[in-house]
Amino acid sequence: MTAQAGVISEAPKVKVSNARPQEKDLYKMLWDKPEYRDYSPGEQVSHIFLEQANPKAKATILDLGCGTGRGGLNLAVFGELDVTFVDFAPNCLDADIVPMLEAQKHTLKFVEADLSEPLPVEAEYGYCTDVMEHIRPHHVDKVLDNCLASAQHVFFQISTVDDGMGILLGHKLHLSVHDYKWWLNKFNERQCIIHWSKETDDTAMFYVTFRGTGRAMVDAGTVNTSNEQIKKNVAHNIKQGYIQVQPHPTNDIEVMIVGGGPSVKGQLKKIKELRAKGVKLITINNAYKWCIDNSLTPSAMVMVDAREFNARFTKPVVDDCKYFLASQCNPVCFEGLPKDRTYLWHTQSDEISEIIAQEHDTWYPVRGGSTVLLRAIPLFRMLGFKRFHLFGSDSCLEEGKHHAYEQEENDGQLVLPVDVGGKIFSCNPWMASQAQEFIDLITVLGNEVELEVYGGGLLHHILETGASYTDIKEI
């Protein structure tokens, strides 16, 4: 009781609040409740990761925000992977998994770490399920960056609905609930290569490669057309109703990409042998016409160049071929192409992103280097293919020839001698640049693709010798 100016009044009531504990303390309490362990999303979707990534046995993987550990254990058992459990709650692992850390320490480890801080461990793969929706909004970007920085390729499964277990402690658990498109934008902002994704009624799943693991790759897609013309092409093409490219599940189908490098002439027999065995034939630019002239029907044709003269590269139109043209290609290149077999894909730049977003809520940029070859590989990886044979992908001249056929647009270009580990190649400037970007591409994609390069050119030499970016020197 207090007295004020002769008036007796009651003391103010103390307000009792259910203050939210620190996140680490909250989850330590939750993992002490058996019912919180009943369902493990990581356990349920581990097979999806294994199907999409198809990692080799003994590959290393971080189970990021591992929880019970049952998801990571599945990866160790069924994928034969070397698993490191990562979580900030030391009591999260199931009781029967804890002793395995000692008995199976060659394949199972536990690291106590907070995903909102840079991680003390790295691996080839990351596996992050039922985590991102739990992150405080102001930490989402930081956690995403840390997860992507810790592994070359990362699988995410994210709930897009409110939680049902917060009632156990009286605190909401899903603090960052967003739809599939919101999360897709987060990965696009980071210029991730999205190999596969899926939206369900209550989750968003992504399997991505973070470009930051290698040197920054060129992303303009062309250096020979003005930005204004590119934007004009994109603005027109996205309104024409072409099928938009989107990620597909990983498959085991072999494909060959045939380019116009001079060595392709000597590989015609091998190309026909592979074609007879059912290997899909993907042609780039004018190699499409070269294949047709040599009695080879392409499965697909790919183009990225924005110049008008490329229109001749899509002729003649043939049955059973699909046409994959970048949205920045000149509209005349699309003329005469069957709409049901013409697919539109997009490079990435701020200028065209704004234009595309006006027409499409969801789209998937194809990242890569500055040439069509270096886009075709990530494009078809996004479409589910991992096993590539490369023909006519020389990135150098042969007996003074830049292509296996006449292509006057490339005549008269500067020729540079390029030294790669003591072997000298004659290259046009764009060829030397492509060789450097090829190293970037295979560094970033890592074991996401299996490549075999034929013909003995510069790219073949790089792959055979494991040459690095610094090994390529202009003389």
Protein backbone atom coordinates (compact mmCIF):
# COMPACT_ATOMS: atom_id res chain seq x y z
CA MET A 1 0.00 0.00 0.00
CA THR A 2 1.22 3.51 -0.77
CA ALA A 3 -0.10 6.89 0.41
CA GLN A 4 -0.13 9.91 -1.89
CA ALA A 5 -1.66 13.32 -0.95
CA GLY A 6 -3.70 11.69 1.75
CA VAL A 7 -5.19 9.11 -0.63
CA ILE A 8 -4.56 5.46 0.02
CA SER A 9 -4.05 3.42 -3.14
CA GLU A 10 -3.02 -0.15 -3.98
CA ALA A 11 0.49 -0.94 -5.16
CA PRO A 12 0.72 -1.42 -8.95
CA LYS A 13 0.33 -4.99 -10.14
CA VAL A 14 3.43 -6.70 -11.41
CA LYS A 15 3.02 -7.87 -15.02
CA VAL A 16 4.28 -11.40 -15.54
CA SER A 17 5.47 -12.10 -19.10
CA ASN A 18 6.52 -15.30 -20.75
CA ALA A 19 9.79 -13.85 -22.04
CA ARG A 20 11.36 -15.77 -24.92
CA PRO A 21 14.64 -17.43 -23.94
CA GLN A 22 17.72 -17.15 -26.08
CA GLU A 23 17.28 -19.36 -29.15
CA LYS A 24 19.95 -21.82 -28.06
CA ASP A 25 18.36 -22.21 -24.61
CA LEU A 26 14.91 -22.56 -26.15
CA TYR A 27 15.95 -25.46 -28.35
CA LYS A 28 17.93 -27.12 -25.59
CA MET A 29 14.66 -27.22 -23.65
CA LEU A 30 12.74 -28.48 -26.67
CA TRP A 31 15.14 -31.36 -27.30
CA ASP A 32 14.48 -32.55 -23.76
CA LYS A 33 10.85 -33.14 -24.76
CA PRO A 34 10.39 -36.57 -26.41
CA GLU A 35 7.42 -35.43 -28.51
CA TYR A 36 9.60 -32.86 -30.27
CA ARG A 37 11.69 -35.73 -31.62
CA ASP A 38 8.80 -37.67 -33.13
CA TYR A 39 9.08 -36.18 -36.61
CA SER A 40 12.34 -35.50 -38.41
CA PRO A 41 12.02 -33.70 -41.78
CA GLY A 42 15.66 -34.41 -42.53
CA GLU A 43 14.97 -38.12 -42.20
CA GLN A 44 11.99 -37.91 -44.57
CA VAL A 45 13.71 -36.11 -47.46
CA SER A 46 17.22 -37.59 -47.33
CA HIS A 47 16.42 -39.79 -50.33
CA ILE A 48 15.52 -36.69 -52.36
CA PHE A 49 18.93 -35.17 -51.71
CA LEU A 50 20.64 -38.43 -52.69
CA GLU A 51 18.62 -38.61 -55.91
CA GLN A 52 19.33 -35.02 -56.95
CA ALA A 53 22.97 -34.71 -55.88
CA ASN A 54 23.98 -38.33 -56.49
CA PRO A 55 27.14 -37.85 -54.40
CA LYS A 56 30.00 -40.30 -54.60
CA ALA A 57 30.64 -42.60 -51.65
CA LYS A 58 32.86 -41.06 -48.97
CA ALA A 59 31.99 -37.51 -50.04
CA THR A 60 31.84 -35.08 -47.12
CA ILE A 61 28.59 -33.45 -46.04
CA LEU A 62 27.47 -31.10 -43.27
CA ASP A 63 24.05 -31.75 -41.73
CA LEU A 64 23.38 -28.07 -41.02
CA GLY A 65 21.02 -27.73 -38.06
CA CYS A 66 21.01 -31.51 -37.70
CA GLY A 67 18.43 -31.84 -34.90
CA THR A 68 17.85 -35.50 -34.09
CA GLY A 69 20.57 -36.57 -36.51
CA ARG A 70 18.34 -39.13 -38.20
CA GLY A 71 18.59 -37.32 -41.53
CA GLY A 72 22.38 -37.27 -41.43
CA LEU A 73 22.45 -40.90 -40.34
CA ASN A 74 20.42 -41.81 -43.44
CA LEU A 75 22.97 -40.02 -45.57
CA ALA A 76 25.78 -41.98 -43.92
CA VAL A 77 24.02 -45.33 -44.29
CA PHE A 78 22.31 -45.06 -47.67
CA GLY A 79 24.67 -42.57 -49.33
CA GLU A 80 27.88 -43.86 -47.70
CA LEU A 81 28.79 -40.26 -46.93
CA ASP A 82 31.15 -38.79 -44.35
CA VAL A 83 28.71 -36.80 -42.20
CA THR A 84 29.38 -33.95 -39.79
CA PHE A 85 26.37 -33.02 -37.66
CA VAL A 86 26.19 -29.28 -36.94
CA ASP A 87 23.87 -27.75 -34.35
CA PHE A 88 23.96 -25.17 -31.55
CA ALA A 89 22.02 -27.39 -29.14
CA PRO A 90 24.43 -30.01 -27.75
CA ASN A 91 21.57 -32.28 -26.65
CA CYS A 92 19.83 -32.44 -30.04
CA LEU A 93 21.02 -35.84 -31.26
CA ASP A 94 18.92 -38.91 -30.53
CA ALA A 95 20.23 -41.02 -27.67
CA ASP A 96 21.01 -43.99 -29.94
CA ILE A 97 23.05 -41.81 -32.33
CA VAL A 98 25.34 -40.29 -29.68
CA PRO A 99 27.42 -43.47 -29.11
CA MET A 100 27.87 -43.79 -32.88
CA LEU A 101 30.03 -40.67 -32.78
CA GLU A 102 32.67 -42.79 -31.11
CA ALA A 103 31.96 -46.16 -32.72
CA GLN A 104 31.69 -44.66 -36.24
CA LYS A 105 33.93 -41.64 -35.80
CA HIS A 106 35.47 -42.16 -39.24
CA THR A 107 32.11 -41.25 -40.82
CA LEU A 108 30.09 -39.46 -38.10
CA LYS A 109 31.13 -36.33 -36.21
CA PHE A 110 29.34 -33.61 -34.25
CA VAL A 111 30.28 -29.92 -34.17
CA GLU A 112 28.50 -27.51 -31.85
CA ALA A 113 28.10 -24.29 -33.82
CA ASP A 114 25.63 -21.47 -34.39
CA LEU A 115 24.62 -21.08 -38.04
CA SER A 116 24.35 -17.33 -37.58
CA GLU A 117 28.14 -17.26 -37.19
CA PRO A 118 30.79 -18.33 -39.75
CA LEU A 119 31.15 -22.09 -39.46
CA PRO A 120 34.39 -23.75 -38.35
CA VAL A 121 33.91 -26.68 -40.75
CA GLU A 122 33.56 -27.12 -44.53
CA ALA A 123 32.47 -29.95 -46.82
CA GLU A 124 31.60 -30.80 -50.39
CA TYR A 125 27.88 -30.85 -49.61
CA GLY A 126 25.50 -29.19 -47.20
CA TYR A 127 22.15 -30.57 -46.03
CA CYS A 128 19.89 -28.01 -44.38
CA THR A 129 16.37 -29.21 -43.56
CA ASP A 130 13.76 -27.75 -41.23
CA VAL A 131 16.11 -24.90 -40.30
CA MET A 132 15.62 -21.69 -42.26
CA GLU A 133 12.01 -21.19 -41.15
CA HIS A 134 13.22 -21.23 -37.52
CA ILE A 135 15.68 -18.38 -38.03
CA ARG A 136 14.93 -14.91 -36.68
CA PRO A 137 14.15 -12.62 -39.64
CA HIS A 138 17.17 -10.38 -39.11
CA HIS A 139 19.46 -13.43 -39.19
CA VAL A 140 18.08 -15.13 -42.33
CA ASP A 141 20.54 -13.57 -44.75
CA LYS A 142 23.47 -14.25 -42.46
CA VAL A 143 22.51 -17.91 -41.96
CA LEU A 144 21.98 -18.45 -45.67
CA ASP A 145 25.38 -16.95 -46.43
CA ASN A 146 27.10 -19.08 -43.80
CA CYS A 147 25.46 -22.28 -45.05
CA LEU A 148 26.36 -21.53 -48.66
CA ALA A 149 29.92 -20.63 -47.71
CA SER A 150 30.43 -23.87 -45.81
CA ALA A 151 29.80 -26.27 -48.69
CA GLN A 152 30.08 -26.24 -52.46
CA HIS A 153 26.58 -27.64 -53.05
CA VAL A 154 23.71 -27.30 -50.56
CA PHE A 155 20.28 -28.90 -50.32
CA PHE A 156 17.58 -26.90 -48.52
CA GLN A 157 14.16 -28.04 -47.36
CA ILE A 158 12.22 -25.13 -45.85
CA SER A 159 8.77 -25.15 -44.30
CA THR A 160 6.43 -22.51 -45.71
CA VAL A 161 3.76 -22.84 -42.99
CA ASP A 162 3.49 -22.06 -39.28
CA ASP A 163 4.75 -24.60 -36.77
CA GLY A 164 2.67 -26.86 -34.57
CA MET A 165 5.18 -27.59 -31.81
CA GLY A 166 5.72 -24.17 -30.27
CA ILE A 167 2.88 -24.95 -27.89
CA LEU A 168 5.28 -27.20 -25.98
CA LEU A 169 7.03 -24.14 -24.52
CA GLY A 170 4.59 -21.40 -25.39
CA HIS A 171 6.80 -19.80 -28.04
CA LYS A 172 6.46 -19.66 -31.81
CA LEU A 173 9.16 -21.69 -33.55
CA HIS A 174 8.74 -20.77 -37.20
CA LEU A 175 9.86 -17.16 -37.20
CA SER A 176 10.54 -16.75 -40.93
CA VAL A 177 7.57 -18.17 -42.79
CA HIS A 178 7.67 -17.30 -46.49
CA ASP A 179 6.48 -18.86 -49.72
CA TYR A 180 8.52 -20.63 -52.36
CA LYS A 181 8.99 -17.52 -54.51
CA TRP A 182 10.41 -15.56 -51.58
CA TRP A 183 13.06 -18.17 -50.92
CA LEU A 184 13.80 -18.56 -54.64
CA ASN A 185 14.53 -14.84 -54.75
CA LYS A 186 16.98 -15.23 -51.86
CA PHE A 187 18.98 -17.78 -53.85
CA ASN A 188 18.79 -15.68 -57.01
CA GLU A 189 20.06 -12.66 -55.09
CA ARG A 190 23.13 -14.72 -54.21
CA GLN A 191 23.54 -15.78 -57.83
CA CYS A 192 23.28 -19.45 -56.91
CA ILE A 193 23.09 -22.02 -59.65
CA ILE A 194 19.77 -23.75 -58.98
CA HIS A 195 20.08 -27.34 -60.16
CA TRP A 196 16.70 -28.49 -58.86
CA SER A 197 13.80 -27.14 -56.87
CA LYS A 198 10.32 -28.17 -55.85
CA GLU A 199 7.33 -26.48 -54.24
CA THR A 200 4.87 -28.53 -52.18
CA ASP A 201 1.86 -27.51 -50.13
CA ASP A 202 4.01 -26.82 -47.08
CA THR A 203 7.67 -26.78 -48.17
CA ALA A 204 10.13 -25.24 -50.59
CA MET A 205 13.10 -27.39 -51.62
CA PHE A 206 16.22 -26.31 -53.46
CA TYR A 207 19.47 -27.95 -54.49
CA VAL A 208 21.97 -25.22 -55.34
CA THR A 209 25.60 -24.41 -55.99
CA PHE A 210 26.95 -21.13 -54.69
CA ARG A 211 29.05 -19.32 -57.28
CA GLY A 212 31.18 -17.73 -54.59
CA THR A 213 33.18 -20.94 -54.26
CA GLY A 214 35.07 -20.06 -57.46
CA ARG A 215 36.19 -16.92 -59.23
CA ALA A 216 33.28 -14.70 -60.25
CA MET A 217 32.07 -15.91 -63.63
CA VAL A 218 31.09 -13.54 -66.39
CA ASP A 219 27.35 -13.07 -66.31
CA ALA A 220 26.49 -10.72 -69.16
CA GLY A 221 26.09 -13.62 -71.58
CA THR A 222 27.46 -11.53 -74.43
CA VAL A 223 29.92 -8.73 -74.89
CA ASN A 224 29.09 -7.89 -78.51
CA THR A 225 25.66 -6.23 -78.24
CA SER A 226 24.60 -3.04 -76.49
CA ASN A 227 22.68 -3.27 -73.23
CA GLU A 228 19.84 -1.31 -74.79
CA GLN A 229 19.47 -3.83 -77.62
CA ILE A 230 19.61 -6.74 -75.19
CA LYS A 231 16.89 -5.20 -73.02
CA LYS A 232 14.78 -4.57 -76.11
CA ASN A 233 15.16 -8.19 -77.21
CA VAL A 234 14.27 -9.51 -73.76
CA ALA A 235 11.23 -7.24 -73.39
CA HIS A 236 9.87 -8.52 -76.71
CA ASN A 237 10.65 -12.23 -76.33
CA ILE A 238 9.21 -12.75 -72.85
CA LYS A 239 5.79 -11.65 -74.10
CA GLN A 240 5.60 -14.23 -76.89
CA GLY A 241 4.40 -17.18 -74.79
CA TYR A 242 7.43 -19.44 -75.16
CA ILE A 243 7.93 -22.25 -72.65
CA GLN A 244 10.09 -21.07 -69.74
CA VAL A 245 13.01 -23.27 -68.68
CA GLN A 246 12.82 -24.52 -65.10
CA PRO A 247 14.78 -27.03 -62.98
CA HIS A 248 14.17 -30.76 -63.49
CA PRO A 249 15.07 -33.80 -61.38
CA THR A 250 18.52 -35.25 -61.89
CA ASN A 251 18.76 -38.12 -64.36
CA ASP A 252 21.50 -40.44 -65.59
CA ILE A 253 21.10 -39.77 -69.32
CA GLU A 254 24.27 -39.02 -71.26
CA VAL A 255 24.37 -36.00 -73.55
CA MET A 256 26.94 -34.60 -75.95
CA ILE A 257 27.40 -30.94 -76.68
CA VAL A 258 28.72 -30.36 -80.17
CA GLY A 259 30.37 -27.03 -80.94
CA GLY A 260 32.02 -25.74 -84.07
CA GLY A 261 35.67 -26.01 -83.08
CA PRO A 262 37.92 -27.30 -85.89
CA SER A 263 38.62 -30.64 -84.16
CA VAL A 264 34.99 -31.70 -84.53
CA LYS A 265 35.65 -32.86 -88.11
CA GLY A 266 37.91 -35.61 -86.84
CA GLN A 267 35.35 -36.70 -84.25
CA LEU A 268 32.39 -37.29 -86.58
CA LYS A 269 32.65 -41.08 -86.34
CA LYS A 270 32.66 -40.97 -82.52
CA ILE A 271 29.70 -38.58 -82.46
CA LYS A 272 27.71 -40.92 -84.70
CA GLU A 273 28.64 -43.91 -82.53
CA LEU A 274 27.37 -42.16 -79.40
CA ARG A 275 24.24 -41.00 -81.21
CA ALA A 276 23.53 -44.59 -82.29
CA LYS A 277 23.76 -45.62 -78.63
CA GLY A 278 21.05 -43.10 -77.72
CA VAL A 279 23.22 -40.28 -76.38
CA LYS A 280 21.33 -36.99 -76.75
CA LEU A 281 22.85 -34.53 -79.24
CA ILE A 282 22.93 -30.87 -78.18
CA THR A 283 24.28 -28.41 -80.71
CA ILE A 284 25.41 -24.85 -80.12
CA ASN A 285 25.18 -22.06 -82.67
CA ASN A 286 26.12 -23.05 -86.23
CA ALA A 287 27.21 -26.56 -85.21
CA TYR A 288 23.47 -27.25 -85.52
CA LYS A 289 23.67 -26.88 -89.32
CA TRP A 290 27.00 -28.76 -89.47
CA CYS A 291 25.40 -31.76 -87.74
CA ILE A 292 22.39 -31.73 -90.05
CA ASP A 293 24.69 -31.57 -93.08
CA ASN A 294 26.47 -34.64 -91.70
CA SER A 295 23.26 -36.69 -91.32
CA LEU A 296 22.92 -36.07 -87.58
CA THR A 297 19.57 -34.90 -86.23
CA PRO A 298 20.06 -32.77 -83.11
CA SER A 299 18.04 -33.41 -79.97
CA ALA A 300 18.43 -29.76 -79.01
CA MET A 301 19.90 -26.50 -80.23
CA VAL A 302 21.20 -23.76 -77.88
CA MET A 303 21.85 -20.08 -78.56
CA VAL A 304 22.71 -17.09 -76.35
CA ASP A 305 24.19 -14.46 -78.71
CA ALA A 306 22.00 -11.38 -79.12
CA ARG A 307 23.08 -10.42 -82.65
CA GLU A 308 20.70 -10.59 -85.58
CA PHE A 309 22.93 -12.67 -87.90
CA ASN A 310 22.47 -15.67 -85.59
CA ALA A 311 19.04 -16.21 -87.15
CA ARG A 312 20.64 -18.45 -89.78
CA PHE A 313 21.89 -20.78 -87.01
CA THR A 314 18.36 -22.05 -86.31
CA LYS A 315 17.68 -23.08 -89.92
CA PRO A 316 16.50 -25.43 -91.20
CA VAL A 317 13.95 -26.45 -88.56
CA VAL A 318 13.93 -30.23 -88.10
CA ASP A 319 11.53 -32.63 -86.44
CA ASP A 320 12.21 -33.92 -82.93
CA CYS A 321 14.61 -31.08 -82.09
CA LYS A 322 14.02 -28.68 -79.20
CA TYR A 323 15.24 -25.11 -79.46
CA PHE A 324 16.68 -23.40 -76.36
CA LEU A 325 17.14 -19.71 -77.06
CA ALA A 326 18.12 -17.11 -74.48
CA SER A 327 15.60 -14.34 -73.98
CA GLN A 328 18.27 -11.87 -75.08
CA CYS A 329 18.50 -13.43 -78.57
CA ASN A 330 17.31 -11.23 -81.42
CA PRO A 331 13.59 -11.86 -82.15
CA VAL A 332 14.38 -12.81 -85.77
CA CYS A 333 16.14 -15.92 -84.44
CA PHE A 334 12.77 -17.24 -83.22
CA GLU A 335 11.04 -16.86 -86.57
CA GLY A 336 9.78 -20.17 -87.94
CA LEU A 337 10.53 -22.15 -84.77
CA PRO A 338 7.75 -24.41 -83.47
CA LYS A 339 6.36 -22.85 -80.32
CA ASP A 340 5.75 -26.21 -78.64
CA ARG A 341 9.45 -27.06 -79.00
CA THR A 342 10.98 -23.66 -78.31
CA TYR A 343 12.20 -22.96 -74.78
CA LEU A 344 13.15 -19.58 -73.37
CA TRP A 345 15.92 -19.26 -70.80
CA HIS A 346 17.50 -16.24 -69.19
CA THR A 347 20.96 -14.97 -68.40
CA GLN A 348 21.41 -12.84 -65.30
CA SER A 349 21.91 -9.11 -65.02
CA ASP A 350 20.15 -6.42 -63.03
CA GLU A 351 18.88 -4.76 -66.19
CA ILE A 352 17.10 -7.77 -67.64
CA SER A 353 16.04 -9.11 -64.22
CA GLU A 354 13.83 -6.08 -63.76
CA ILE A 355 12.27 -6.60 -67.19
CA ILE A 356 11.65 -10.33 -66.69
CA ALA A 357 10.14 -9.77 -63.24
CA GLN A 358 7.46 -7.59 -64.82
CA GLU A 359 6.25 -10.56 -66.85
CA HIS A 360 7.06 -13.59 -64.70
CA ASP A 361 6.74 -14.10 -60.96
CA THR A 362 9.06 -17.10 -61.04
CA TRP A 363 12.06 -17.57 -63.29
CA TYR A 364 15.41 -19.33 -63.11
CA PRO A 365 18.50 -17.54 -64.47
CA VAL A 366 21.11 -19.75 -66.11
CA ARG A 367 24.51 -18.65 -64.85
CA GLY A 368 27.82 -19.34 -66.48
CA GLY A 369 30.46 -17.79 -68.68
CA SER A 370 30.37 -15.44 -71.63
CA THR A 371 30.02 -18.06 -74.39
CA VAL A 372 27.21 -20.37 -75.42
CA LEU A 373 29.20 -23.48 -74.40
CA LEU A 374 29.62 -22.17 -70.87
CA ARG A 375 25.87 -21.54 -70.65
CA ALA A 376 24.81 -24.81 -72.26
CA ILE A 377 26.49 -26.87 -69.54
CA PRO A 378 24.71 -25.23 -66.54
CA LEU A 379 21.50 -24.97 -68.59
CA PHE A 380 21.33 -28.71 -69.16
CA ARG A 381 22.50 -29.40 -65.60
CA MET A 382 19.42 -27.44 -64.51
CA LEU A 383 17.39 -29.66 -66.82
CA GLY A 384 18.67 -32.70 -64.91
CA PHE A 385 21.66 -33.85 -66.96
CA LYS A 386 25.06 -34.48 -65.35
CA ARG A 387 27.05 -36.56 -67.85
CA PHE A 388 28.49 -34.58 -70.76
CA HIS A 389 30.63 -35.38 -73.79
CA LEU A 390 32.06 -32.21 -75.38
CA PHE A 391 33.00 -32.10 -79.07
CA GLY A 392 34.26 -29.14 -81.06
CA SER A 393 34.92 -27.35 -77.77
CA ASP A 394 38.51 -26.48 -78.54
CA SER A 395 38.88 -22.84 -77.48
CA CYS A 396 41.83 -22.59 -79.84
CA LEU A 397 42.70 -22.45 -83.53
CA GLU A 398 43.78 -25.48 -85.51
CA GLU A 399 45.96 -24.84 -88.57
CA GLY A 400 44.71 -21.26 -88.53
CA LYS A 401 41.03 -22.30 -88.57
CA HIS A 402 38.64 -20.96 -85.91
CA HIS A 403 35.73 -23.26 -86.87
CA ALA A 404 35.19 -26.53 -88.68
CA TYR A 405 33.15 -24.59 -91.25
CA GLU A 406 33.15 -21.13 -92.71
CA GLN A 407 31.97 -18.43 -90.30
CA GLU A 408 33.05 -15.08 -91.66
CA GLU A 409 32.04 -13.17 -88.52
CA ASN A 410 35.13 -14.64 -86.81
CA ASP A 411 37.55 -13.96 -89.64
CA GLY A 412 40.40 -11.53 -89.11
CA GLN A 413 40.42 -11.65 -85.31
CA LEU A 414 43.62 -11.14 -83.37
CA VAL A 415 45.54 -14.37 -82.74
CA LEU A 416 47.38 -14.74 -79.43
CA PRO A 417 49.86 -17.47 -78.42
CA VAL A 418 48.73 -18.88 -75.08
CA ASP A 419 51.03 -20.94 -72.87
CA VAL A 420 49.34 -23.54 -70.66
CA GLY A 421 51.87 -25.49 -68.64
CA GLY A 422 54.47 -25.29 -71.39
CA LYS A 423 52.13 -26.19 -74.26
CA ILE A 424 51.38 -23.36 -76.70
CA PHE A 425 47.93 -22.81 -78.24
CA SER A 426 46.90 -20.20 -80.82
CA CYS A 427 43.76 -18.43 -79.63
CA ASN A 428 41.48 -15.56 -80.52
CA PRO A 429 40.94 -13.34 -77.44
CA TRP A 430 37.47 -14.78 -76.78
CA MET A 431 38.94 -18.30 -76.83
CA ALA A 432 41.51 -17.45 -74.16
CA SER A 433 38.76 -15.88 -72.07
CA GLN A 434 36.54 -18.94 -72.52
CA ALA A 435 39.37 -21.19 -71.33
CA GLN A 436 39.73 -19.16 -68.13
CA GLU A 437 35.99 -19.16 -67.58
CA PHE A 438 35.87 -22.92 -68.23
CA ILE A 439 38.14 -23.38 -65.22
CA ASP A 440 35.80 -21.17 -63.20
CA LEU A 441 32.81 -23.23 -64.29
CA ILE A 442 34.25 -26.62 -63.41
CA THR A 443 35.53 -25.20 -60.12
CA VAL A 444 32.07 -23.97 -59.17
CA LEU A 445 30.13 -26.99 -60.41
CA GLY A 446 32.69 -29.39 -58.97
CA ASN A 447 31.32 -32.93 -59.05
CA GLU A 448 27.90 -31.73 -60.17
CA VAL A 449 28.88 -32.59 -63.73
CA GLU A 450 30.96 -35.30 -65.38
CA LEU A 451 32.82 -33.94 -68.41
CA GLU A 452 34.80 -35.61 -71.15
CA VAL A 453 36.33 -33.28 -73.74
CA TYR A 454 37.38 -34.69 -77.11
CA GLY A 455 39.68 -33.35 -79.83
CA GLY A 456 42.93 -32.36 -78.14
CA GLY A 457 42.24 -28.62 -77.98
CA LEU A 458 42.86 -26.17 -75.16
CA LEU A 459 39.85 -27.21 -73.06
CA HIS A 460 40.80 -30.88 -73.42
CA HIS A 461 44.32 -30.01 -72.24
CA ILE A 462 42.98 -28.07 -69.23
CA LEU A 463 40.79 -30.96 -68.15
CA GLU A 464 43.49 -33.59 -68.70
CA THR A 465 46.22 -31.70 -66.85
CA GLY A 466 44.10 -30.05 -64.16
CA ALA A 467 45.42 -26.65 -65.21
CA SER A 468 44.51 -23.71 -62.99
CA TYR A 469 43.52 -20.21 -63.89
CA THR A 470 47.04 -18.94 -63.25
CA ASP A 471 48.50 -21.59 -65.61
CA ILE A 472 47.00 -19.81 -68.64
CA LYS A 473 49.42 -17.16 -69.81
CA GLU A 474 49.33 -15.02 -72.91
CA ILE A 475 52.80 -14.80 -74.44
